[in-house]
N, C-alpha and C. Protein backbone atom coordinates (compact mmCIF):
# COMPACT_ATOMS: atom_id res chain seq x y z
N UNK A 1 152.55 253.64 175.03
CA UNK A 1 152.66 252.34 174.41
C UNK A 1 151.38 251.56 174.71
N UNK A 2 150.92 250.88 173.72
CA UNK A 2 149.76 250.00 173.87
C UNK A 2 150.13 248.65 173.31
N UNK A 3 149.67 247.62 173.98
CA UNK A 3 149.87 246.28 173.45
C UNK A 3 148.63 245.88 172.68
N UNK A 4 148.84 245.42 171.45
CA UNK A 4 147.76 244.95 170.58
C UNK A 4 148.09 243.50 170.26
N UNK A 5 147.40 242.59 170.91
CA UNK A 5 147.75 241.19 170.78
C UNK A 5 149.14 240.99 171.35
N UNK A 6 150.04 240.49 170.54
CA UNK A 6 151.42 240.31 170.98
C UNK A 6 152.33 241.44 170.49
N UNK A 7 151.75 242.47 169.86
CA UNK A 7 152.53 243.56 169.25
C UNK A 7 152.39 244.85 170.04
N UNK A 8 153.38 245.74 169.87
CA UNK A 8 153.37 247.03 170.55
C UNK A 8 153.14 248.16 169.55
N UNK A 9 152.31 249.13 169.98
CA UNK A 9 152.01 250.31 169.19
C UNK A 9 152.24 251.52 170.08
N UNK A 10 152.87 252.56 169.55
CA UNK A 10 153.09 253.79 170.30
C UNK A 10 152.20 254.88 169.73
N UNK A 11 151.41 255.52 170.59
CA UNK A 11 150.49 256.58 170.18
C UNK A 11 150.92 257.90 170.82
N UNK A 12 150.95 258.96 170.04
CA UNK A 12 151.20 260.30 170.56
C UNK A 12 150.21 261.25 169.93
N UNK A 13 149.80 262.24 170.69
CA UNK A 13 148.87 263.25 170.21
C UNK A 13 149.50 264.62 170.41
N UNK A 14 149.36 265.48 169.43
CA UNK A 14 149.97 266.81 169.47
C UNK A 14 148.92 267.88 169.22
N UNK A 15 149.06 269.02 169.90
CA UNK A 15 148.24 270.21 169.66
C UNK A 15 149.18 271.41 169.58
N UNK A 16 149.84 271.59 168.44
CA UNK A 16 150.87 272.62 168.33
C UNK A 16 150.37 274.05 168.53
N UNK A 17 149.08 274.29 168.35
CA UNK A 17 148.57 275.64 168.56
C UNK A 17 148.59 276.04 170.04
N UNK A 18 148.67 275.05 170.95
CA UNK A 18 148.74 275.31 172.39
C UNK A 18 150.14 275.14 172.95
N UNK A 19 150.86 274.14 172.45
CA UNK A 19 152.19 273.83 172.99
C UNK A 19 153.01 273.17 171.88
N UNK A 20 153.99 273.90 171.36
CA UNK A 20 154.79 273.40 170.24
C UNK A 20 155.54 272.12 170.58
N UNK A 21 155.98 271.95 171.82
CA UNK A 21 156.79 270.79 172.20
C UNK A 21 155.98 269.72 172.93
N UNK A 22 154.74 270.01 173.30
CA UNK A 22 153.95 269.08 174.10
C UNK A 22 153.43 267.90 173.29
N UNK A 23 153.37 266.76 173.93
CA UNK A 23 152.73 265.59 173.33
C UNK A 23 152.01 264.83 174.43
N UNK A 24 150.92 264.18 174.07
CA UNK A 24 150.03 263.56 175.04
C UNK A 24 149.76 262.12 174.63
N UNK A 25 149.66 261.26 175.63
CA UNK A 25 149.48 259.84 175.34
C UNK A 25 148.07 259.35 175.67
N UNK A 26 147.41 259.94 176.65
CA UNK A 26 146.08 259.45 177.03
C UNK A 26 145.05 260.58 177.03
N UNK A 27 145.24 261.60 177.83
CA UNK A 27 144.28 262.69 177.93
C UNK A 27 144.70 263.85 177.04
N UNK A 28 143.78 264.35 176.24
CA UNK A 28 144.04 265.51 175.40
C UNK A 28 143.51 266.72 176.17
N UNK A 29 144.36 267.73 176.44
CA UNK A 29 143.99 268.79 177.38
C UNK A 29 142.96 269.80 176.89
N UNK A 30 142.81 269.99 175.58
CA UNK A 30 141.90 271.04 175.10
C UNK A 30 141.30 270.63 173.76
N UNK A 31 140.13 271.21 173.47
CA UNK A 31 139.51 270.99 172.17
C UNK A 31 140.28 271.80 171.13
N UNK A 32 140.31 271.31 169.91
CA UNK A 32 140.97 272.03 168.84
C UNK A 32 141.65 271.08 167.88
N UNK A 33 142.42 271.64 166.96
CA UNK A 33 143.14 270.82 165.98
C UNK A 33 144.08 269.88 166.73
N UNK A 34 143.98 268.60 166.40
CA UNK A 34 144.77 267.58 167.09
C UNK A 34 145.34 266.63 166.07
N UNK A 35 146.63 266.34 166.20
CA UNK A 35 147.32 265.42 165.32
C UNK A 35 147.68 264.18 166.11
N UNK A 36 147.34 263.02 165.59
CA UNK A 36 147.65 261.76 166.24
C UNK A 36 148.64 261.00 165.38
N UNK A 37 149.70 260.52 166.03
CA UNK A 37 150.74 259.74 165.35
C UNK A 37 150.67 258.32 165.89
N UNK A 38 150.58 257.36 164.98
CA UNK A 38 150.55 255.94 165.34
C UNK A 38 151.85 255.33 164.83
N UNK A 39 152.69 254.89 165.77
CA UNK A 39 153.98 254.29 165.43
C UNK A 39 153.88 252.79 165.62
N UNK A 40 153.91 252.06 164.52
CA UNK A 40 153.85 250.60 164.56
C UNK A 40 155.25 250.08 164.86
N UNK A 41 155.53 249.86 166.12
CA UNK A 41 156.87 249.50 166.57
C UNK A 41 157.29 248.13 166.07
N UNK A 42 156.40 247.16 166.17
CA UNK A 42 156.74 245.81 165.73
C UNK A 42 156.67 245.73 164.21
N UNK A 43 157.76 245.32 163.56
CA UNK A 43 157.79 245.25 162.09
C UNK A 43 156.66 244.40 161.50
N UNK A 44 156.19 243.39 162.21
CA UNK A 44 155.13 242.54 161.69
C UNK A 44 153.85 243.33 161.41
N UNK A 45 153.59 244.38 162.18
CA UNK A 45 152.38 245.19 161.99
C UNK A 45 152.45 246.06 160.75
N UNK A 46 153.61 246.37 160.27
CA UNK A 46 153.78 247.33 159.18
C UNK A 46 153.24 246.84 157.85
N UNK A 47 152.99 245.55 157.73
CA UNK A 47 152.43 245.00 156.50
C UNK A 47 150.99 244.51 156.69
N UNK A 48 150.37 244.91 157.79
CA UNK A 48 149.00 244.47 158.10
C UNK A 48 148.07 245.68 158.05
N UNK A 49 146.80 245.48 157.68
CA UNK A 49 145.83 246.57 157.77
C UNK A 49 145.66 247.00 159.23
N UNK A 50 145.55 248.29 159.46
CA UNK A 50 145.41 248.83 160.82
C UNK A 50 144.21 249.76 160.83
N UNK A 51 143.43 249.72 161.90
CA UNK A 51 142.33 250.68 162.05
C UNK A 51 142.40 251.28 163.45
N UNK A 52 141.71 252.41 163.62
CA UNK A 52 141.72 253.10 164.89
C UNK A 52 140.35 253.74 165.10
N UNK A 53 139.85 253.67 166.33
CA UNK A 53 138.60 254.33 166.69
C UNK A 53 138.94 255.52 167.59
N UNK A 54 138.24 256.64 167.37
CA UNK A 54 138.45 257.83 168.19
C UNK A 54 137.14 258.13 168.90
N UNK A 55 137.25 258.32 170.23
CA UNK A 55 136.08 258.58 171.07
C UNK A 55 136.21 259.93 171.74
N UNK A 56 135.09 260.58 171.95
CA UNK A 56 135.02 261.76 172.82
C UNK A 56 134.54 261.24 174.16
N UNK A 57 135.32 261.45 175.20
CA UNK A 57 134.99 260.91 176.51
C UNK A 57 135.59 259.52 176.65
N UNK A 58 135.03 258.74 177.53
CA UNK A 58 135.52 257.38 177.75
C UNK A 58 134.99 256.45 176.67
N UNK A 59 135.72 255.38 176.41
CA UNK A 59 135.28 254.41 175.40
C UNK A 59 133.91 253.85 175.77
N UNK A 60 133.73 253.51 177.03
CA UNK A 60 132.42 253.03 177.49
C UNK A 60 131.59 254.26 177.88
N UNK A 61 130.54 254.52 177.15
CA UNK A 61 129.69 255.66 177.44
C UNK A 61 130.08 256.91 176.66
N UNK A 62 131.20 256.87 175.96
CA UNK A 62 131.62 258.01 175.16
C UNK A 62 131.01 257.94 173.77
N UNK A 63 131.24 258.97 173.01
CA UNK A 63 130.71 259.04 171.65
C UNK A 63 131.83 258.73 170.67
N UNK A 64 131.62 257.75 169.81
CA UNK A 64 132.61 257.43 168.78
C UNK A 64 132.55 258.51 167.71
N UNK A 65 133.69 259.17 167.46
CA UNK A 65 133.74 260.25 166.48
C UNK A 65 134.00 259.73 165.07
N UNK A 66 134.93 258.82 164.94
CA UNK A 66 135.17 258.18 163.65
C UNK A 66 135.97 256.94 163.84
N UNK A 67 136.03 256.14 162.77
CA UNK A 67 136.76 254.88 162.79
C UNK A 67 137.65 254.83 161.60
């Protein structure tokens, strides 16, 4: 769960080629195909534009892969 302003967002990451049932919230254990699910828990967010940045490494000093 992440707080964005006053709203809550739930993030999960999956790598089914390594673990069919595994899901990760912060650290992704291996390189490879990765699926990210963004669950907008607060109904107010569901009608707002949403963006996400993906970094390799840490946000500070890491490389931004896409936005």
